[in-house]
Amino acid sequence: MSVLRWLGKIGLGDAASKFEELGITTPEALAELDLADFDLVGVTNEKQKKNLFLLIEGIRQCIRETDQPRKSEETEPANASEDQAPETPRRSARLAARSRTRAREDAKAEEQER
């Protein structure tokens, strides 16, 4: 799924053209944004900022998880992993849910600090 479609799904479809204009069309580019960039891309509504923040945090978590080798890759010889099944959809869903929960908790903590 493309970043522009993700934006539409969280209610930011009207800002998608600005993201595209600025070259923010990949998950990696979206993950580079921080709160200070939200006004630059046309996200000024607090609810939309929160939704975008949660999306970005979820993407960052996924990037961190894919950058870290899995335990089986660290302990098994290279040729043994050929028979290993890929990550299951259920595990992926659990990881995504965990990252969304963590992002919500971080957003709440940030709001409370204000």
PDB file of N, CA and C in Angstrom:
ATOM      1  N   MET A   1       0.850  -1.175   0.000  1.00  0.00           N
ATOM      2  CA  MET A   1       0.000   0.000   0.000  1.00  0.00           C
ATOM      3  C   MET A   1       0.897   1.240   0.000  1.00  0.00           C
ATOM      4  N   SER A   2       0.505   2.228  -0.761  1.00  0.00           N
ATOM      5  CA  SER A   2       1.334   3.419  -0.876  1.00  0.00           C
ATOM      6  C   SER A   2       1.064   4.393   0.271  1.00  0.00           C
ATOM      7  N   VAL A   3       2.038   5.252   0.512  1.00  0.00           N
ATOM      8  CA  VAL A   3       1.919   6.266   1.551  1.00  0.00           C
ATOM      9  C   VAL A   3       0.700   7.158   1.293  1.00  0.00           C
ATOM     10  N   LEU A   4       0.455   7.485   0.039  1.00  0.00           N
ATOM     11  CA  LEU A   4      -0.668   8.367  -0.286  1.00  0.00           C
ATOM     12  C   LEU A   4      -2.000   7.708   0.072  1.00  0.00           C
ATOM     13  N   ARG A   5      -2.103   6.395  -0.121  1.00  0.00           N
ATOM     14  CA  ARG A   5      -3.320   5.678   0.277  1.00  0.00           C
ATOM     15  C   ARG A   5      -3.428   5.618   1.793  1.00  0.00           C
ATOM     16  N   TRP A   6      -2.309   5.450   2.484  1.00  0.00           N
ATOM     17  CA  TRP A   6      -2.330   5.447   3.954  1.00  0.00           C
ATOM     18  C   TRP A   6      -2.861   6.775   4.456  1.00  0.00           C
ATOM     19  N   LEU A   7      -2.395   7.853   3.839  1.00  0.00           N
ATOM     20  CA  LEU A   7      -2.852   9.177   4.256  1.00  0.00           C
ATOM     21  C   LEU A   7      -4.366   9.300   4.085  1.00  0.00           C
ATOM     22  N   GLY A   8      -4.879   8.792   2.983  1.00  0.00           N
ATOM     23  CA  GLY A   8      -6.318   8.814   2.762  1.00  0.00           C
ATOM     24  C   GLY A   8      -7.069   8.037   3.820  1.00  0.00           C
ATOM     25  N   LYS A   9      -6.522   6.911   4.231  1.00  0.00           N
ATOM     26  CA  LYS A   9      -7.185   6.067   5.220  1.00  0.00           C
ATOM     27  C   LYS A   9      -7.228   6.704   6.604  1.00  0.00           C
ATOM     28  N   ILE A  10      -6.327   7.627   6.902  1.00  0.00           N
ATOM     29  CA  ILE A  10      -6.350   8.285   8.213  1.00  0.00           C
ATOM     30  C   ILE A  10      -6.943   9.697   8.126  1.00  0.00           C
ATOM     31  N   GLY A  11      -7.626   9.983   7.018  1.00  0.00           N
ATOM     32  CA  GLY A  11      -8.310  11.259   6.893  1.00  0.00           C
ATOM     33  C   GLY A  11      -7.456  12.397   6.373  1.00  0.00           C
ATOM     34  N   LEU A  12      -6.343  12.091   5.736  1.00  0.00           N
ATOM     35  CA  LEU A  12      -5.454  13.135   5.225  1.00  0.00           C
ATOM     36  C   LEU A  12      -5.345  13.103   3.708  1.00  0.00           C
ATOM     37  N   GLY A  13      -6.375  12.581   3.061  1.00  0.00           N
ATOM     38  CA  GLY A  13      -6.355  12.507   1.608  1.00  0.00           C
ATOM     39  C   GLY A  13      -6.189  13.857   0.945  1.00  0.00           C
ATOM     40  N   ASP A  14      -6.749  14.907   1.563  1.00  0.00           N
ATOM     41  CA  ASP A  14      -6.632  16.250   0.993  1.00  0.00           C
ATOM     42  C   ASP A  14      -5.206  16.796   1.075  1.00  0.00           C
ATOM     43  N   ALA A  15      -4.390  16.266   1.975  1.00  0.00           N
ATOM     44  CA  ALA A  15      -2.997  16.720   2.108  1.00  0.00           C
ATOM     45  C   ALA A  15      -2.037  15.865   1.274  1.00  0.00           C
ATOM     46  N   ALA A  16      -2.539  14.787   0.677  1.00  0.00           N
ATOM     47  CA  ALA A  16      -1.677  13.854  -0.054  1.00  0.00           C
ATOM     48  C   ALA A  16      -0.896  14.542  -1.172  1.00  0.00           C
ATOM     49  N   SER A  17      -1.517  15.500  -1.848  1.00  0.00           N
ATOM     50  CA  SER A  17      -0.812  16.167  -2.949  1.00  0.00           C
ATOM     51  C   SER A  17       0.408  16.947  -2.446  1.00  0.00           C
ATOM     52  N   LYS A  18       0.310  17.522  -1.256  1.00  0.00           N
ATOM     53  CA  LYS A  18       1.438  18.250  -0.676  1.00  0.00           C
ATOM     54  C   LYS A  18       2.574  17.285  -0.332  1.00  0.00           C
ATOM     55  N   PHE A  19       2.226  16.118   0.205  1.00  0.00           N
ATOM     56  CA  PHE A  19       3.229  15.099   0.506  1.00  0.00           C
ATOM     57  C   PHE A  19       3.938  14.683  -0.783  1.00  0.00           C
ATOM     58  N   GLU A  20       3.135  14.462  -1.821  1.00  0.00           N
ATOM     59  CA  GLU A  20       3.702  14.050  -3.107  1.00  0.00           C
ATOM     60  C   GLU A  20       4.597  15.146  -3.680  1.00  0.00           C
ATOM     61  N   GLU A  21       4.144  16.393  -3.580  1.00  0.00           N
ATOM     62  CA  GLU A  21       4.921  17.538  -4.071  1.00  0.00           C
ATOM     63  C   GLU A  21       6.278  17.629  -3.366  1.00  0.00           C
ATOM     64  N   LEU A  22       6.307  17.280  -2.079  1.00  0.00           N
ATOM     65  CA  LEU A  22       7.546  17.345  -1.297  1.00  0.00           C
ATOM     66  C   LEU A  22       8.371  16.057  -1.390  1.00  0.00           C
ATOM     67  N   GLY A  23       7.880  15.083  -2.179  1.00  0.00           N
ATOM     68  CA  GLY A  23       8.619  13.845  -2.364  1.00  0.00           C
ATOM     69  C   GLY A  23       8.478  12.852  -1.224  1.00  0.00           C
ATOM     70  N   ILE A  24       7.454  13.027  -0.417  1.00  0.00           N
ATOM     71  CA  ILE A  24       7.229  12.125   0.718  1.00  0.00           C
ATOM     72  C   ILE A  24       6.249  11.056   0.254  1.00  0.00           C
ATOM     73  N   THR A  25       6.776  10.063  -0.460  1.00  0.00           N
ATOM     74  CA  THR A  25       5.922   9.037  -1.054  1.00  0.00           C
ATOM     75  C   THR A  25       6.325   7.622  -0.655  1.00  0.00           C
ATOM     76  N   THR A  26       7.348   7.492   0.169  1.00  0.00           N
ATOM     77  CA  THR A  26       7.780   6.173   0.630  1.00  0.00           C
ATOM     78  C   THR A  26       7.658   6.112   2.154  1.00  0.00           C
ATOM     79  N   PRO A  27       7.530   4.916   2.708  1.00  0.00           N
ATOM     80  CA  PRO A  27       7.481   4.808   4.164  1.00  0.00           C
ATOM     81  C   PRO A  27       8.718   5.415   4.832  1.00  0.00           C
ATOM     82  N   GLU A  28       9.875   5.223   4.225  1.00  0.00           N
ATOM     83  CA  GLU A  28      11.112   5.759   4.800  1.00  0.00           C
ATOM     84  C   GLU A  28      11.084   7.286   4.842  1.00  0.00           C
ATOM     85  N   ALA A  29      10.580   7.912   3.777  1.00  0.00           N
ATOM     86  CA  ALA A  29      10.491   9.372   3.747  1.00  0.00           C
ATOM     87  C   ALA A  29       9.486   9.866   4.778  1.00  0.00           C
ATOM     88  N   LEU A  30       8.371   9.164   4.910  1.00  0.00           N
ATOM     89  CA  LEU A  30       7.354   9.543   5.892  1.00  0.00           C
ATOM     90  C   LEU A  30       7.908   9.413   7.305  1.00  0.00           C
ATOM     91  N   ALA A  31       8.705   8.379   7.542  1.00  0.00           N
ATOM     92  CA  ALA A  31       9.282   8.148   8.870  1.00  0.00           C
ATOM     93  C   ALA A  31      10.263   9.248   9.272  1.00  0.00           C
ATOM     94  N   GLU A  32      10.762  10.009   8.304  1.00  0.00           N
ATOM     95  CA  GLU A  32      11.700  11.099   8.593  1.00  0.00           C
ATOM     96  C   GLU A  32      11.004  12.342   9.157  1.00  0.00           C
ATOM     97  N   LEU A  33       9.683  12.429   8.991  1.00  0.00           N
ATOM     98  CA  LEU A  33       8.954  13.605   9.477  1.00  0.00           C
ATOM     99  C   LEU A  33       8.899  13.635  10.996  1.00  0.00           C
ATOM    100  N   ASP A  34       8.894  14.843  11.550  1.00  0.00           N
ATOM    101  CA  ASP A  34       8.634  14.985  12.980  1.00  0.00           C
ATOM    102  C   ASP A  34       7.533  16.034  13.161  1.00  0.00           C
ATOM    103  N   LEU A  35       7.151  16.278  14.389  1.00  0.00           N
ATOM    104  CA  LEU A  35       6.022  17.167  14.671  1.00  0.00           C
ATOM    105  C   LEU A  35       6.194  18.557  14.046  1.00  0.00           C
ATOM    106  N   ALA A  36       7.399  19.031  13.985  1.00  0.00           N
ATOM    107  CA  ALA A  36       7.657  20.361  13.424  1.00  0.00           C
ATOM    108  C   ALA A  36       7.348  20.416  11.930  1.00  0.00           C
ATOM    109  N   ASP A  37       7.362  19.273  11.246  1.00  0.00           N
ATOM    110  CA  ASP A  37       7.110  19.223   9.808  1.00  0.00           C
ATOM    111  C   ASP A  37       5.625  19.176   9.455  1.00  0.00           C
ATOM    112  N   PHE A  38       4.767  18.917  10.422  1.00  0.00           N
ATOM    113  CA  PHE A  38       3.355  18.711  10.125  1.00  0.00           C
ATOM    114  C   PHE A  38       2.715  19.941   9.478  1.00  0.00           C
ATOM    115  N   ASP A  39       3.025  21.122   9.975  1.00  0.00           N
ATOM    116  CA  ASP A  39       2.473  22.346   9.369  1.00  0.00           C
ATOM    117  C   ASP A  39       2.983  22.510   7.943  1.00  0.00           C
ATOM    118  N   LEU A  40       4.231  22.155   7.708  1.00  0.00           N
ATOM    119  CA  LEU A  40       4.835  22.272   6.382  1.00  0.00           C
ATOM    120  C   LEU A  40       4.081  21.441   5.344  1.00  0.00           C
ATOM    121  N   VAL A  41       3.594  20.273   5.747  1.00  0.00           N
ATOM    122  CA  VAL A  41       2.882  19.401   4.813  1.00  0.00           C
ATOM    123  C   VAL A  41       1.376  19.656   4.824  1.00  0.00           C
ATOM    124  N   GLY A  42       0.943  20.681   5.558  1.00  0.00           N
ATOM    125  CA  GLY A  42      -0.462  21.058   5.537  1.00  0.00           C
ATOM    126  C   GLY A  42      -1.343  20.364   6.556  1.00  0.00           C
ATOM    127  N   VAL A  43      -0.744  19.756   7.561  1.00  0.00           N
ATOM    128  CA  VAL A  43      -1.524  19.094   8.611  1.00  0.00           C
ATOM    129  C   VAL A  43      -1.531  20.009   9.826  1.00  0.00           C
ATOM    130  N   THR A  44      -2.663  20.685  10.044  1.00  0.00           N
ATOM    131  CA  THR A  44      -2.753  21.655  11.128  1.00  0.00           C
ATOM    132  C   THR A  44      -3.793  21.274  12.180  1.00  0.00           C
ATOM    133  N   ASN A  45      -4.747  20.448  11.818  1.00  0.00           N
ATOM    134  CA  ASN A  45      -5.790  19.996  12.734  1.00  0.00           C
ATOM    135  C   ASN A  45      -5.179  19.035  13.758  1.00  0.00           C
ATOM    136  N   GLU A  46      -5.510  19.216  15.035  1.00  0.00           N
ATOM    137  CA  GLU A  46      -4.907  18.402  16.091  1.00  0.00           C
ATOM    138  C   GLU A  46      -5.218  16.910  15.930  1.00  0.00           C
ATOM    139  N   LYS A  47      -6.447  16.581  15.558  1.00  0.00           N
ATOM    140  CA  LYS A  47      -6.804  15.168  15.377  1.00  0.00           C
ATOM    141  C   LYS A  47      -6.003  14.568  14.221  1.00  0.00           C
ATOM    142  N   GLN A  48      -5.859  15.320  13.136  1.00  0.00           N
ATOM    143  CA  GLN A  48      -5.079  14.839  12.001  1.00  0.00           C
ATOM    144  C   GLN A  48      -3.602  14.704  12.365  1.00  0.00           C
ATOM    145  N   LYS A  49      -3.096  15.637  13.165  1.00  0.00           N
ATOM    146  CA  LYS A  49      -1.702  15.541  13.622  1.00  0.00           C
ATOM    147  C   LYS A  49      -1.492  14.270  14.433  1.00  0.00           C
ATOM    148  N   LYS A  50      -2.456  13.967  15.303  1.00  0.00           N
ATOM    149  CA  LYS A  50      -2.351  12.764  16.121  1.00  0.00           C
ATOM    150  C   LYS A  50      -2.364  11.516  15.233  1.00  0.00           C
ATOM    151  N   ASN A  51      -3.286  11.481  14.265  1.00  0.00           N
ATOM    152  CA  ASN A  51      -3.359  10.331  13.355  1.00  0.00           C
ATOM    153  C   ASN A  51      -2.067  10.161  12.563  1.00  0.00           C
ATOM    154  N   LEU A  52      -1.513  11.272  12.086  1.00  0.00           N
ATOM    155  CA  LEU A  52      -0.263  11.212  11.334  1.00  0.00           C
ATOM    156  C   LEU A  52       0.886  10.760  12.235  1.00  0.00           C
ATOM    157  N   PHE A  53       0.916  11.276  13.441  1.00  0.00           N
ATOM    158  CA  PHE A  53       1.948  10.885  14.401  1.00  0.00           C
ATOM    159  C   PHE A  53       1.907   9.379  14.645  1.00  0.00           C
ATOM    160  N   LEU A  54       0.711   8.832  14.854  1.00  0.00           N
ATOM    161  CA  LEU A  54       0.568   7.399  15.109  1.00  0.00           C
ATOM    162  C   LEU A  54       0.994   6.570  13.898  1.00  0.00           C
ATOM    163  N   LEU A  55       0.642   7.044  12.706  1.00  0.00           N
ATOM    164  CA  LEU A  55       1.060   6.355  11.485  1.00  0.00           C
ATOM    165  C   LEU A  55       2.585   6.336  11.383  1.00  0.00           C
ATOM    166  N   ILE A  56       3.210   7.476  11.609  1.00  0.00           N
ATOM    167  CA  ILE A  56       4.670   7.581  11.508  1.00  0.00           C
ATOM    168  C   ILE A  56       5.348   6.694  12.551  1.00  0.00           C
ATOM    169  N   GLU A  57       4.824   6.695  13.762  1.00  0.00           N
ATOM    170  CA  GLU A  57       5.418   5.850  14.805  1.00  0.00           C
ATOM    171  C   GLU A  57       5.299   4.371  14.450  1.00  0.00           C
ATOM    172  N   GLY A  58       4.171   3.971  13.874  1.00  0.00           N
ATOM    173  CA  GLY A  58       4.005   2.592  13.438  1.00  0.00           C
ATOM    174  C   GLY A  58       5.003   2.218  12.359  1.00  0.00           C
ATOM    175  N   ILE A  59       5.228   3.131  11.420  1.00  0.00           N
ATOM    176  CA  ILE A  59       6.201   2.892  10.355  1.00  0.00           C
ATOM    177  C   ILE A  59       7.613   2.795  10.930  1.00  0.00           C
ATOM    178  N   ARG A  60       7.942   3.691  11.847  1.00  0.00           N
ATOM    179  CA  ARG A  60       9.275   3.654  12.467  1.00  0.00           C
ATOM    180  C   ARG A  60       9.505   2.334  13.190  1.00  0.00           C
ATOM    181  N   GLN A  61       8.483   1.867  13.887  1.00  0.00           N
ATOM    182  CA  GLN A  61       8.601   0.600  14.601  1.00  0.00           C
ATOM    183  C   GLN A  61       8.845  -0.546  13.623  1.00  0.00           C
ATOM    184  N   CYS A  62       8.100  -0.559  12.541  1.00  0.00           N
ATOM    185  CA  CYS A  62       8.288  -1.603  11.522  1.00  0.00           C
ATOM    186  C   CYS A  62       9.695  -1.549  10.934  1.00  0.00           C
ATOM    187  N   ILE A  63      10.193  -0.349  10.686  1.00  0.00           N
ATOM    188  CA  ILE A  63      11.541  -0.187  10.147  1.00  0.00           C
ATOM    189  C   ILE A  63      12.570  -0.703  11.143  1.00  0.00           C
ATOM    190  N   ARG A  64      12.393  -0.358  12.430  1.00  0.00           N
ATOM    191  CA  ARG A  64      13.332  -0.842  13.455  1.00  0.00           C
ATOM    192  C   ARG A  64      13.330  -2.366  13.515  1.00  0.00           C
ATOM    193  N   GLU A  65      12.142  -2.949  13.447  1.00  0.00           N
ATOM    194  CA  GLU A  65      12.042  -4.399  13.546  1.00  0.00           C
ATOM    195  C   GLU A  65      12.649  -5.101  12.338  1.00  0.00           C
ATOM    196  N   THR A  66      12.508  -4.523  11.167  1.00  0.00           N
ATOM    197  CA  THR A  66      13.081  -5.168   9.983  1.00  0.00           C
ATOM    198  C   THR A  66      14.584  -4.944   9.899  1.00  0.00           C
ATOM    199  N   ASP A  67      15.096  -3.905  10.542  1.00  0.00           N
ATOM    200  CA  ASP A  67      16.536  -3.651  10.547  1.00  0.00           C
ATOM    201  C   ASP A  67      17.276  -4.575  11.501  1.00  0.00           C
ATOM    202  N   GLN A  68      16.575  -5.136  12.487  1.00  0.00           N
ATOM    203  CA  GLN A  68      17.201  -6.028  13.453  1.00  0.00           C
ATOM    204  C   GLN A  68      17.077  -7.463  12.959  1.00  0.00           C
ATOM    205  N   PRO A  69      18.181  -8.213  12.968  1.00  0.00           N
ATOM    206  CA  PRO A  69      18.086  -9.610  12.549  1.00  0.00           C
ATOM    207  C   PRO A  69      17.257 -10.402  13.554  1.00  0.00           C
ATOM    208  N   ARG A  70      16.484 -11.340  13.037  1.00  0.00           N
ATOM    209  CA  ARG A  70      15.699 -12.192  13.927  1.00  0.00           C
ATOM    210  C   ARG A  70      16.634 -13.156  14.634  1.00  0.00           C
ATOM    211  N   LYS A  71      16.231 -13.653  15.796  1.00  0.00           N
ATOM    212  CA  LYS A  71      17.060 -14.564  16.580  1.00  0.00           C
ATOM    213  C   LYS A  71      17.500 -15.772  15.757  1.00  0.00           C
ATOM    214  N   SER A  72      16.586 -16.327  14.958  1.00  0.00           N
ATOM    215  CA  SER A  72      16.924 -17.510  14.176  1.00  0.00           C
ATOM    216  C   SER A  72      18.028 -17.198  13.164  1.00  0.00           C
ATOM    217  N   GLU A  73      18.065 -15.971  12.657  1.00  0.00           N
ATOM    218  CA  GLU A  73      19.100 -15.594  11.698  1.00  0.00           C
ATOM    219  C   GLU A  73      20.450 -15.459  12.380  1.00  0.00           C
ATOM    220  N   GLU A  74      20.434 -15.107  13.675  1.00  0.00           N
ATOM    221  CA  GLU A  74      21.685 -14.933  14.399  1.00  0.00           C
ATOM    222  C   GLU A  74      22.312 -16.266  14.774  1.00  0.00           C
ATOM    223  N   THR A  75      21.492 -17.304  15.009  1.00  0.00           N
ATOM    224  CA  THR A  75      22.006 -18.556  15.537  1.00  0.00           C
ATOM    225  C   THR A  75      22.108 -19.664  14.500  1.00  0.00           C
ATOM    226  N   GLU A  76      21.368 -19.596  13.406  1.00  0.00           N
ATOM    227  CA  GLU A  76      21.372 -20.661  12.409  1.00  0.00           C
ATOM    228  C   GLU A  76      22.382 -20.366  11.311  1.00  0.00           C
ATOM    229  N   PRO A  77      22.963 -21.415  10.750  1.00  0.00           N
ATOM    230  CA  PRO A  77      23.828 -21.206   9.592  1.00  0.00           C
ATOM    231  C   PRO A  77      23.007 -20.641   8.431  1.00  0.00           C
ATOM    232  N   ALA A  78      23.659 -19.976   7.516  1.00  0.00           N
ATOM    233  CA  ALA A  78      22.966 -19.298   6.409  1.00  0.00           C
ATOM    234  C   ALA A  78      22.101 -20.246   5.598  1.00  0.00           C
ATOM    235  N   ASN A  79      22.558 -21.456   5.309  1.00  0.00           N
ATOM    236  CA  ASN A  79      21.779 -22.362   4.468  1.00  0.00           C
ATOM    237  C   ASN A  79      20.596 -22.973   5.206  1.00  0.00           C
ATOM    238  N   ALA A  80      20.581 -22.964   6.528  1.00  0.00           N
ATOM    239  CA  ALA A  80      19.465 -23.533   7.287  1.00  0.00           C
ATOM    240  C   ALA A  80      18.223 -22.659   7.201  1.00  0.00           C
ATOM    241  N   SER A  81      18.383 -21.387   6.958  1.00  0.00           N
ATOM    242  CA  SER A  81      17.226 -20.487   6.928  1.00  0.00           C
ATOM    243  C   SER A  81      16.422 -20.612   5.642  1.00  0.00           C
ATOM    244  N   GLU A  82      16.932 -21.308   4.639  1.00  0.00           N
ATOM    245  CA  GLU A  82      16.191 -21.472   3.399  1.00  0.00           C
ATOM    246  C   GLU A  82      14.882 -22.227   3.613  1.00  0.00           C
ATOM    247  N   ASP A  83      14.861 -23.167   4.561  1.00  0.00           N
ATOM    248  CA  ASP A  83      13.666 -23.953   4.833  1.00  0.00           C
ATOM    249  C   ASP A  83      12.741 -23.261   5.823  1.00  0.00           C
ATOM    250  N   GLN A  84      13.158 -22.162   6.380  1.00  0.00           N
ATOM    251  CA  GLN A  84      12.379 -21.466   7.392  1.00  0.00           C
ATOM    252  C   GLN A  84      11.187 -20.759   6.754  1.00  0.00           C
ATOM    253  N   ALA A  85      10.030 -20.879   7.400  1.00  0.00           N
ATOM    254  CA  ALA A  85       8.826 -20.223   6.895  1.00  0.00           C
ATOM    255  C   ALA A  85       8.935 -18.719   7.114  1.00  0.00           C
ATOM    256  N   PRO A  86       8.362 -17.936   6.217  1.00  0.00           N
ATOM    257  CA  PRO A  86       8.381 -16.488   6.407  1.00  0.00           C
ATOM    258  C   PRO A  86       7.515 -16.089   7.584  1.00  0.00           C
ATOM    259  N   GLU A  87       7.662 -14.862   8.006  1.00  0.00           N
ATOM    260  CA  GLU A  87       6.873 -14.345   9.124  1.00  0.00           C
ATOM    261  C   GLU A  87       5.385 -14.515   8.820  1.00  0.00           C
ATOM    262  N   THR A  88       4.636 -14.968   9.797  1.00  0.00           N
ATOM    263  CA  THR A  88       3.218 -15.231   9.583  1.00  0.00           C
ATOM    264  C   THR A  88       2.412 -13.944   9.647  1.00  0.00           C
ATOM    265  N   PRO A  89       1.258 -13.913   8.972  1.00  0.00           N
ATOM    266  CA  PRO A  89       0.392 -12.724   9.049  1.00  0.00           C
ATOM    267  C   PRO A  89      -0.049 -12.428  10.480  1.00  0.00           C
ATOM    268  N   ARG A  90      -0.282 -13.490  11.268  1.00  0.00           N
ATOM    269  CA  ARG A  90      -0.718 -13.275  12.657  1.00  0.00           C
ATOM    270  C   ARG A  90       0.371 -12.559  13.451  1.00  0.00           C
ATOM    271  N   ARG A  91       1.628 -12.973  13.270  1.00  0.00           N
ATOM    272  CA  ARG A  91       2.734 -12.321  13.981  1.00  0.00           C
ATOM    273  C   ARG A  91       2.879 -10.884  13.518  1.00  0.00           C
ATOM    274  N   SER A  92       2.749 -10.669  12.223  1.00  0.00           N
ATOM    275  CA  SER A  92       2.831  -9.310  11.687  1.00  0.00           C
ATOM    276  C   SER A  92       1.735  -8.428  12.277  1.00  0.00           C
ATOM    277  N   ALA A  93       0.527  -8.973  12.378  1.00  0.00           N
ATOM    278  CA  ALA A  93      -0.588  -8.203  12.937  1.00  0.00           C
ATOM    279  C   ALA A  93      -0.335  -7.878  14.405  1.00  0.00           C
ATOM    280  N   ARG A  94       0.219  -8.853  15.147  1.00  0.00           N
ATOM    281  CA  ARG A  94       0.515  -8.595  16.565  1.00  0.00           C
ATOM    282  C   ARG A  94       1.562  -7.499  16.704  1.00  0.00           C
ATOM    283  N   LEU A  95       2.595  -7.559  15.866  1.00  0.00           N
ATOM    284  CA  LEU A  95       3.645  -6.542  15.924  1.00  0.00           C
ATOM    285  C   LEU A  95       3.095  -5.164  15.571  1.00  0.00           C
ATOM    286  N   ALA A  96       2.250  -5.106  14.557  1.00  0.00           N
ATOM    287  CA  ALA A  96       1.656  -3.838  14.160  1.00  0.00           C
ATOM    288  C   ALA A  96       0.771  -3.293  15.270  1.00  0.00           C
ATOM    289  N   ALA A  97      -0.033  -4.166  15.895  1.00  0.00           N
ATOM    290  CA  ALA A  97      -0.906  -3.728  16.986  1.00  0.00           C
ATOM    291  C   ALA A  97      -0.076  -3.233  18.167  1.00  0.00           C
ATOM    292  N   ARG A  98       1.007  -3.938  18.462  1.00  0.00           N
ATOM    293  CA  ARG A  98       1.876  -3.529  19.562  1.00  0.00           C
ATOM    294  C   ARG A  98       2.510  -2.165  19.280  1.00  0.00           C
ATOM    295  N   SER A  99       2.917  -1.950  18.037  1.00  0.00           N
ATOM    296  CA  SER A  99       3.547  -0.669  17.705  1.00  0.00           C
ATOM    297  C   SER A  99       2.524   0.464  17.743  1.00  0.00           C
ATOM    298  N   ARG A 100       1.279   0.185  17.312  1.00  0.00           N
ATOM    299  CA  ARG A 100       0.237   1.221  17.405  1.00  0.00           C
ATOM    300  C   ARG A 100      -0.052   1.557  18.862  1.00  0.00           C
ATOM    301  N   THR A 101      -0.105   0.543  19.712  1.00  0.00           N
ATOM    302  CA  THR A 101      -0.355   0.765  21.143  1.00  0.00           C
ATOM    303  C   THR A 101       0.768   1.595  21.741  1.00  0.00           C
ATOM    304  N   ARG A 102       1.990   1.236  21.416  1.00  0.00           N
ATOM    305  CA  ARG A 102       3.140   1.977  21.931  1.00  0.00           C
ATOM    306  C   ARG A 102       3.121   3.422  21.440  1.00  0.00           C
ATOM    307  N   ALA A 103       2.753   3.626  20.190  1.00  0.00           N
ATOM    308  CA  ALA A 103       2.699   4.981  19.638  1.00  0.00           C
ATOM    309  C   ALA A 103       1.612   5.795  20.340  1.00  0.00           C
ATOM    310  N   ARG A 104       0.460   5.159  20.612  1.00  0.00           N
ATOM    311  CA  ARG A 104      -0.609   5.875  21.337  1.00  0.00           C
ATOM    312  C   ARG A 104      -0.151   6.256  22.729  1.00  0.00           C
ATOM    313  N   GLU A 105       0.543   5.340  23.406  1.00  0.00           N
ATOM    314  CA  GLU A 105       1.047   5.629  24.746  1.00  0.00           C
ATOM    315  C   GLU A 105       2.051   6.772  24.710  1.00  0.00           C
ATOM    316  N   ASP A 106       2.919   6.777  23.716  1.00  0.00           N
ATOM    317  CA  ASP A 106       3.894   7.860  23.574  1.00  0.00           C
ATOM    318  C   ASP A 106       3.199   9.190  23.314  1.00  0.00           C
ATOM    319  N   ALA A 107       2.156   9.164  22.478  1.00  0.00           N
ATOM    320  CA  ALA A 107       1.425  10.388  22.173  1.00  0.00           C
ATOM    321  C   ALA A 107       0.716  10.911  23.418  1.00  0.00           C
ATOM    322  N   LYS A 108       0.139  10.018  24.216  1.00  0.00           N
ATOM    323  CA  LYS A 108      -0.525  10.429  25.458  1.00  0.00           C
ATOM    324  C   LYS A 108       0.479  11.041  26.423  1.00  0.00           C
ATOM    325  N   ALA A 109       1.634  10.395  26.541  1.00  0.00           N
ATOM    326  CA  ALA A 109       2.663  10.905  27.441  1.00  0.00           C
ATOM    327  C   ALA A 109       3.133  12.282  26.982  1.00  0.00           C
ATOM    328  N   GLU A 110       3.268  12.456  25.687  1.00  0.00           N
ATOM    329  CA  GLU A 110       3.688  13.747  25.157  1.00  0.00           C
ATOM    330  C   GLU A 110       2.641  14.821  25.421  1.00  0.00           C
ATOM    331  N   GLU A 111       1.373  14.472  25.285  1.00  0.00           N
ATOM    332  CA  GLU A 111       0.287  15.415  25.563  1.00  0.00           C
ATOM    333  C   GLU A 111       0.274  15.805  27.030  1.00  0.00           C
ATOM    334  N   GLN A 112       0.524  14.849  27.910  1.00  0.00           N
ATOM    335  CA  GLN A 112       0.516  15.115  29.352  1.00  0.00           C
ATOM    336  C   GLN A 112       1.675  16.002  29.770  1.00  0.00           C
ATOM    337  N   GLU A 113       2.774  15.928  29.024  1.00  0.00           N
ATOM    338  CA  GLU A 113       3.930  16.768  29.338  1.00  0.00           C
ATOM    339  C   GLU A 113       3.664  18.229  29.012  1.00  0.00           C
ATOM    340  N   ARG A 114       2.730  18.477  28.122  1.00  0.00           N
ATOM    341  CA  ARG A 114       2.418  19.866  27.726  1.00  0.00           C
ATOM    342  C   ARG A 114       1.663  20.516  28.797  1.00  0.00           C
TER     343      ARG A 114
END
